[in-house]
PDB file of N, CA and C in Angstrom:
ATOM      1  N   MET A   1    -135.379  68.055-165.367  1.00  0.00           N
ATOM      2  CA  MET A   1    -133.998  68.372-165.020  1.00  0.00           C
ATOM      3  C   MET A   1    -133.119  67.830-166.141  1.00  0.00           C
ATOM      4  N   ARG A   2    -132.239  68.688-166.654  1.00  0.00           N
ATOM      5  CA  ARG A   2    -131.428  68.298-167.803  1.00  0.00           C
ATOM      6  C   ARG A   2    -129.977  68.011-167.432  1.00  0.00           C
ATOM      7  N   ILE A   3    -129.799  67.132-166.468  1.00  0.00           N
ATOM      8  CA  ILE A   3    -128.498  66.523-166.215  1.00  0.00           C
ATOM      9  C   ILE A   3    -128.752  65.033-166.042  1.00  0.00           C
ATOM     10  N   THR A   4    -127.761  64.249-166.360  1.00  0.00           N
ATOM     11  CA  THR A   4    -127.935  62.807-166.244  1.00  0.00           C
ATOM     12  C   THR A   4    -127.819  62.378-164.777  1.00  0.00           C
ATOM     13  N   GLU A   5    -128.267  61.194-164.502  1.00  0.00           N
ATOM     14  CA  GLU A   5    -128.131  60.653-163.146  1.00  0.00           C
ATOM     15  C   GLU A   5    -126.654  60.520-162.779  1.00  0.00           C
ATOM     16  N   GLN A   6    -125.828  60.145-163.757  1.00  0.00           N
ATOM     17  CA  GLN A   6    -124.385  60.047-163.504  1.00  0.00           C
ATOM     18  C   GLN A   6    -123.799  61.419-163.160  1.00  0.00           C
ATOM     19  N   GLN A   7    -124.188  62.462-163.876  1.00  0.00           N
ATOM     20  CA  GLN A   7    -123.720  63.811-163.559  1.00  0.00           C
ATOM     21  C   GLN A   7    -124.172  64.216-162.161  1.00  0.00           C
ATOM     22  N   ARG A   8    -125.444  63.960-161.841  1.00  0.00           N
ATOM     23  CA  ARG A   8    -125.971  64.318-160.523  1.00  0.00           C
ATOM     24  C   ARG A   8    -125.184  63.620-159.423  1.00  0.00           C
ATOM     25  N   THR A   9    -124.921  62.336-159.610  1.00  0.00           N
ATOM     26  CA  THR A   9    -124.170  61.569-158.617  1.00  0.00           C
ATOM     27  C   THR A   9    -122.757  62.113-158.456  1.00  0.00           C
ATOM     28  N   HIS A  10    -122.071  62.385-159.567  1.00  0.00           N
ATOM     29  CA  HIS A  10    -120.721  62.947-159.489  1.00  0.00           C
ATOM     30  C   HIS A  10    -120.725  64.285-158.757  1.00  0.00           C
ATOM     31  N   ILE A  11    -121.656  65.147-159.116  1.00  0.00           N
ATOM     32  CA  ILE A  11    -121.723  66.480-158.512  1.00  0.00           C
ATOM     33  C   ILE A  11    -121.910  66.378-157.003  1.00  0.00           C
ATOM     34  N   VAL A  12    -122.901  65.633-156.580  1.00  0.00           N
ATOM     35  CA  VAL A  12    -123.197  65.527-155.140  1.00  0.00           C
ATOM     36  C   VAL A  12    -122.032  64.877-154.397  1.00  0.00           C
ATOM     37  N   THR A  13    -121.488  63.813-154.952  1.00  0.00           N
ATOM     38  CA  THR A  13    -120.383  63.107-154.296  1.00  0.00           C
ATOM     39  C   THR A  13    -119.167  63.997-154.131  1.00  0.00           C
ATOM     40  N   LYS A  14    -118.760  64.667-155.184  1.00  0.00           N
ATOM     41  CA  LYS A  14    -117.550  65.494-155.141  1.00  0.00           C
ATOM     42  C   LYS A  14    -117.730  66.706-154.235  1.00  0.00           C
ATOM     43  N   ILE A  15    -118.900  67.308-154.255  1.00  0.00           N
ATOM     44  CA  ILE A  15    -119.141  68.456-153.361  1.00  0.00           C
ATOM     45  C   ILE A  15    -119.105  68.010-151.906  1.00  0.00           C
ATOM     46  N   LYS A  16    -119.707  66.889-151.604  1.00  0.00           N
ATOM     47  CA  LYS A  16    -119.692  66.406-150.220  1.00  0.00           C
ATOM     48  C   LYS A  16    -118.293  65.982-149.774  1.00  0.00           C
ATOM     49  N   GLU A  17    -117.459  65.513-150.702  1.00  0.00           N
ATOM     50  CA  GLU A  17    -116.063  65.198-150.360  1.00  0.00           C
ATOM     51  C   GLU A  17    -115.332  66.439-149.860  1.00  0.00           C
ATOM     52  N   VAL A  18    -115.622  67.577-150.453  1.00  0.00           N
ATOM     53  CA  VAL A  18    -114.931  68.822-150.090  1.00  0.00           C
ATOM     54  C   VAL A  18    -115.642  69.547-148.944  1.00  0.00           C
ATOM     55  N   MET A  19    -116.964  69.614-149.012  1.00  0.00           N
ATOM     56  CA  MET A  19    -117.716  70.453-148.080  1.00  0.00           C
ATOM     57  C   MET A  19    -118.267  69.703-146.870  1.00  0.00           C
ATOM     58  N   GLY A  20    -118.222  68.381-146.903  1.00  0.00           N
ATOM     59  CA  GLY A  20    -118.751  67.593-145.800  1.00  0.00           C
ATOM     60  C   GLY A  20    -120.087  66.956-146.153  1.00  0.00           C
ATOM     61  N   ASP A  21    -120.402  65.884-145.448  1.00  0.00           N
ATOM     62  CA  ASP A  21    -121.626  65.129-145.730  1.00  0.00           C
ATOM     63  C   ASP A  21    -122.906  65.906-145.461  1.00  0.00           C
ATOM     64  N   ASP A  22    -122.835  66.962-144.660  1.00  0.00           N
ATOM     65  CA  ASP A  22    -124.035  67.731-144.348  1.00  0.00           C
ATOM     66  C   ASP A  22    -124.296  68.852-145.357  1.00  0.00           C
ATOM     67  N   ALA A  23    -123.483  68.958-146.404  1.00  0.00           N
ATOM     68  CA  ALA A  23    -123.696  69.967-147.442  1.00  0.00           C
ATOM     69  C   ALA A  23    -124.934  69.603-148.257  1.00  0.00           C
ATOM     70  N   GLN A  24    -125.706  70.627-148.604  1.00  0.00           N
ATOM     71  CA  GLN A  24    -126.875  70.451-149.462  1.00  0.00           C
ATOM     72  C   GLN A  24    -126.540  71.036-150.834  1.00  0.00           C
ATOM     73  N   VAL A  25    -126.877  70.311-151.889  1.00  0.00           N
ATOM     74  CA  VAL A  25    -126.571  70.737-153.253  1.00  0.00           C
ATOM     75  C   VAL A  25    -127.879  70.910-154.008  1.00  0.00           C
ATOM     76  N   MET A  26    -128.052  72.095-154.628  1.00  0.00           N
ATOM     77  CA  MET A  26    -129.265  72.373-155.379  1.00  0.00           C
ATOM     78  C   MET A  26    -128.915  72.864-156.777  1.00  0.00           C
ATOM     79  N   LEU A  27    -129.632  72.359-157.753  1.00  0.00           N
ATOM     80  CA  LEU A  27    -129.494  72.783-159.135  1.00  0.00           C
ATOM     81  C   LEU A  27    -130.476  73.921-159.379  1.00  0.00           C
ATOM     82  N   PHE A  28    -130.021  74.972-160.093  1.00  0.00           N
ATOM     83  CA  PHE A  28    -130.941  76.043-160.469  1.00  0.00           C
ATOM     84  C   PHE A  28    -130.570  76.530-161.866  1.00  0.00           C
ATOM     85  N   GLY A  29    -131.327  77.444-162.396  1.00  0.00           N
ATOM     86  CA  GLY A  29    -131.048  77.986-163.719  1.00  0.00           C
ATOM     87  C   GLY A  29    -131.711  77.170-164.814  1.00  0.00           C
ATOM     88  N   SER A  30    -131.205  77.306-166.029  1.00  0.00           N
ATOM     89  CA  SER A  30    -131.855  76.708-167.196  1.00  0.00           C
ATOM     90  C   SER A  30    -131.867  75.185-167.168  1.00  0.00           C
ATOM     91  N   ARG A  31    -130.928  74.558-166.477  1.00  0.00           N
ATOM     92  CA  ARG A  31    -130.884  73.086-166.446  1.00  0.00           C
ATOM     93  C   ARG A  31    -132.036  72.478-165.663  1.00  0.00           C
ATOM     94  N   VAL A  32    -132.760  73.277-164.897  1.00  0.00           N
ATOM     95  CA  VAL A  32    -133.909  72.766-164.146  1.00  0.00           C
ATOM     96  C   VAL A  32    -135.081  72.493-165.098  1.00  0.00           C
ATOM     97  N   SER A  33    -135.157  73.266-166.180  1.00  0.00           N
ATOM     98  CA  SER A  33    -136.266  73.145-167.124  1.00  0.00           C
ATOM     99  C   SER A  33    -135.957  72.128-168.225  1.00  0.00           C
ATOM    100  N   ASP A  34    -136.859  71.182-168.400  1.00  0.00           N
ATOM    101  CA  ASP A  34    -136.717  70.207-169.481  1.00  0.00           C
ATOM    102  C   ASP A  34    -136.958  70.845-170.845  1.00  0.00           C
ATOM    103  N   LEU A  35    -137.587  72.016-170.873  1.00  0.00           N
ATOM    104  CA  LEU A  35    -137.913  72.681-172.129  1.00  0.00           C
ATOM    105  C   LEU A  35    -136.797  73.597-172.626  1.00  0.00           C
ATOM    106  N   ALA A  36    -135.896  73.996-171.757  1.00  0.00           N
ATOM    107  CA  ALA A  36    -134.808  74.898-172.140  1.00  0.00           C
ATOM    108  C   ALA A  36    -133.730  74.127-172.903  1.00  0.00           C
ATOM    109  N   LYS A  37    -132.847  74.879-173.546  1.00  0.00           N
ATOM    110  CA  LYS A  37    -131.744  74.258-174.288  1.00  0.00           C
ATOM    111  C   LYS A  37    -130.434  74.873-173.836  1.00  0.00           C
ATOM    112  N   GLY A  38    -129.366  74.061-173.921  1.00  0.00           N
ATOM    113  CA  GLY A  38    -128.029  74.562-173.601  1.00  0.00           C
ATOM    114  C   GLY A  38    -127.904  74.973-172.145  1.00  0.00           C
ATOM    115  N   GLY A  39    -126.924  75.799-171.896  1.00  0.00           N
ATOM    116  CA  GLY A  39    -126.740  76.345-170.566  1.00  0.00           C
ATOM    117  C   GLY A  39    -125.703  75.612-169.743  1.00  0.00           C
ATOM    118  N   ASP A  40    -125.117  76.349-168.833  1.00  0.00           N
ATOM    119  CA  ASP A  40    -124.154  75.739-167.925  1.00  0.00           C
ATOM    120  C   ASP A  40    -124.904  75.082-166.767  1.00  0.00           C
ATOM    121  N   ILE A  41    -124.180  74.460-165.884  1.00  0.00           N
ATOM    122  CA  ILE A  41    -124.788  73.788-164.735  1.00  0.00           C
ATOM    123  C   ILE A  41    -124.600  74.701-163.523  1.00  0.00           C
ATOM    124  N   ASP A  42    -125.710  75.318-163.090  1.00  0.00           N
ATOM    125  CA  ASP A  42    -125.691  76.240-161.957  1.00  0.00           C
ATOM    126  C   ASP A  42    -126.009  75.483-160.682  1.00  0.00           C
ATOM    127  N   LEU A  43    -125.147  75.634-159.686  1.00  0.00           N
ATOM    128  CA  LEU A  43    -125.312  74.911-158.435  1.00  0.00           C
ATOM    129  C   LEU A  43    -125.282  75.860-157.250  1.00  0.00           C
ATOM    130  N   LEU A  44    -126.107  75.579-156.262  1.00  0.00           N
ATOM    131  CA  LEU A  44    -126.076  76.269-154.986  1.00  0.00           C
ATOM    132  C   LEU A  44    -125.706  75.231-153.939  1.00  0.00           C
ATOM    133  N   VAL A  45    -124.709  75.540-153.131  1.00  0.00           N
ATOM    134  CA  VAL A  45    -124.274  74.637-152.069  1.00  0.00           C
ATOM    135  C   VAL A  45    -124.492  75.335-150.734  1.00  0.00           C
ATOM    136  N   LYS A  46    -125.242  74.686-149.850  1.00  0.00           N
ATOM    137  CA  LYS A  46    -125.485  75.213-148.508  1.00  0.00           C
ATOM    138  C   LYS A  46    -124.789  74.323-147.494  1.00  0.00           C
ATOM    139  N   THR A  47    -124.150  74.949-146.521  1.00  0.00           N
ATOM    140  CA  THR A  47    -123.528  74.213-145.426  1.00  0.00           C
ATOM    141  C   THR A  47    -124.028  74.795-144.106  1.00  0.00           C
ATOM    142  N   PRO A  48    -124.101  73.984-143.066  1.00  0.00           N
ATOM    143  CA  PRO A  48    -124.607  74.476-141.785  1.00  0.00           C
ATOM    144  C   PRO A  48    -123.639  75.418-141.065  1.00  0.00           C
ATOM    145  N   SER A  49    -122.365  75.380-141.436  1.00  0.00           N
ATOM    146  CA  SER A  49    -121.398  76.263-140.794  1.00  0.00           C
ATOM    147  C   SER A  49    -120.622  77.038-141.867  1.00  0.00           C
ATOM    148  N   PRO A  50    -120.045  78.160-141.490  1.00  0.00           N
ATOM    149  CA  PRO A  50    -119.296  78.966-142.461  1.00  0.00           C
ATOM    150  C   PRO A  50    -118.135  78.186-143.088  1.00  0.00           C
ATOM    151  N   ILE A  51    -117.830  78.515-144.321  1.00  0.00           N
ATOM    152  CA  ILE A  51    -116.711  77.899-145.042  1.00  0.00           C
ATOM    153  C   ILE A  51    -115.496  78.779-144.805  1.00  0.00           C
ATOM    154  N   LYS A  52    -114.409  78.182-144.298  1.00  0.00           N
ATOM    155  CA  LYS A  52    -113.274  79.024-143.923  1.00  0.00           C
ATOM    156  C   LYS A  52    -112.497  79.558-145.121  1.00  0.00           C
ATOM    157  N   ASP A  53    -112.452  78.854-146.229  1.00  0.00           N
ATOM    158  CA  ASP A  53    -111.776  79.352-147.432  1.00  0.00           C
ATOM    159  C   ASP A  53    -112.615  78.986-148.656  1.00  0.00           C
ATOM    160  N   PRO A  54    -113.655  79.786-148.944  1.00  0.00           N
ATOM    161  CA  PRO A  54    -114.581  79.420-150.015  1.00  0.00           C
ATOM    162  C   PRO A  54    -113.930  79.331-151.397  1.00  0.00           C
ATOM    163  N   ALA A  55    -112.985  80.194-151.706  1.00  0.00           N
ATOM    164  CA  ALA A  55    -112.344  80.160-153.026  1.00  0.00           C
ATOM    165  C   ALA A  55    -111.578  78.854-153.224  1.00  0.00           C
ATOM    166  N   GLN A  56    -110.829  78.446-152.223  1.00  0.00           N
ATOM    167  CA  GLN A  56    -110.074  77.198-152.325  1.00  0.00           C
ATOM    168  C   GLN A  56    -111.020  75.995-152.409  1.00  0.00           C
ATOM    169  N   SER A  57    -112.092  76.021-151.645  1.00  0.00           N
ATOM    170  CA  SER A  57    -113.069  74.935-151.690  1.00  0.00           C
ATOM    171  C   SER A  57    -113.701  74.835-153.072  1.00  0.00           C
ATOM    172  N   LEU A  58    -114.044  75.971-153.658  1.00  0.00           N
ATOM    173  CA  LEU A  58    -114.623  75.986-154.999  1.00  0.00           C
ATOM    174  C   LEU A  58    -113.652  75.423-156.025  1.00  0.00           C
ATOM    175  N   MET A  59    -112.394  75.792-155.935  1.00  0.00           N
ATOM    176  CA  MET A  59    -111.387  75.270-156.870  1.00  0.00           C
ATOM    177  C   MET A  59    -111.235  73.755-156.725  1.00  0.00           C
ATOM    178  N   ARG A  60    -111.254  73.261-155.494  1.00  0.00           N
ATOM    179  CA  ARG A  60    -111.136  71.820-155.275  1.00  0.00           C
ATOM    180  C   ARG A  60    -112.331  71.069-155.853  1.00  0.00           C
ATOM    181  N   ILE A  61    -113.540  71.622-155.650  1.00  0.00           N
ATOM    182  CA  ILE A  61    -114.747  71.000-156.199  1.00  0.00           C
ATOM    183  C   ILE A  61    -114.682  70.986-157.718  1.00  0.00           C
ATOM    184  N   GLU A  62    -114.341  72.115-158.316  1.00  0.00           N
ATOM    185  CA  GLU A  62    -114.274  72.192-159.778  1.00  0.00           C
ATOM    186  C   GLU A  62    -113.260  71.202-160.349  1.00  0.00           C
ATOM    187  N   ALA A  63    -112.089  71.099-159.728  1.00  0.00           N
ATOM    188  CA  ALA A  63    -111.070  70.164-160.199  1.00  0.00           C
ATOM    189  C   ALA A  63    -111.571  68.723-160.108  1.00  0.00           C
ATOM    190  N   LYS A  64    -112.224  68.371-159.015  1.00  0.00           N
ATOM    191  CA  LYS A  64    -112.748  67.013-158.849  1.00  0.00           C
ATOM    192  C   LYS A  64    -113.824  66.707-159.896  1.00  0.00           C
ATOM    193  N   LEU A  65    -114.683  67.678-160.180  1.00  0.00           N
ATOM    194  CA  LEU A  65    -115.738  67.463-161.168  1.00  0.00           C
ATOM    195  C   LEU A  65    -115.177  67.343-162.580  1.00  0.00           C
ATOM    196  N   ILE A  66    -114.187  68.150-162.909  1.00  0.00           N
ATOM    197  CA  ILE A  66    -113.569  68.061-164.235  1.00  0.00           C
ATOM    198  C   ILE A  66    -112.893  66.709-164.406  1.00  0.00           C
ATOM    199  N   LEU A  67    -112.202  66.245-163.385  1.00  0.00           N
ATOM    200  CA  LEU A  67    -111.572  64.931-163.462  1.00  0.00           C
ATOM    201  C   LEU A  67    -112.603  63.812-163.571  1.00  0.00           C
ATOM    202  N   ALA A  68    -113.764  63.997-162.928  1.00  0.00           N
ATOM    203  CA  ALA A  68    -114.782  62.955-162.929  1.00  0.00           C
ATOM    204  C   ALA A  68    -115.569  62.899-164.235  1.00  0.00           C
ATOM    205  N   GLN A  69    -115.842  64.063-164.851  1.00  0.00           N
ATOM    206  CA  GLN A  69    -116.723  64.012-166.022  1.00  0.00           C
ATOM    207  C   GLN A  69    -116.369  64.984-167.118  1.00  0.00           C
ATOM    208  N   GLY A  70    -115.196  65.514-167.136  1.00  0.00           N
ATOM    209  CA  GLY A  70    -114.798  66.394-168.228  1.00  0.00           C
ATOM    210  C   GLY A  70    -115.069  67.845-167.911  1.00  0.00           C
ATOM    211  N   ASP A  71    -114.904  68.684-168.902  1.00  0.00           N
ATOM    212  CA  ASP A  71    -114.936  70.135-168.709  1.00  0.00           C
ATOM    213  C   ASP A  71    -116.315  70.752-168.882  1.00  0.00           C
ATOM    214  N   GLN A  72    -117.366  69.987-168.693  1.00  0.00           N
ATOM    215  CA  GLN A  72    -118.716  70.541-168.884  1.00  0.00           C
ATOM    216  C   GLN A  72    -119.183  71.331-167.672  1.00  0.00           C
ATOM    217  N   ILE A  73    -118.673  71.060-166.499  1.00  0.00           N
ATOM    218  CA  ILE A  73    -119.116  71.737-165.286  1.00  0.00           C
ATOM    219  C   ILE A  73    -118.644  73.167-165.286  1.00  0.00           C
TER     220      ILE A  73
END
């Protein structure tokens, strides 16, 4: 997995702040492979109940992640 432990912690923490503690966060795409190079950070977020405003939730998560670790997310 090609993200740091600090990045992983920030991602999970910020997503759970917005989506709730029962949200599951999964990394997929090129960052899963230690052999790949470059690439953005692809995330799948699962919640047990429907999200009432997914676009707003996504914007809040992105803003929190940018503030926490810069514009790499």
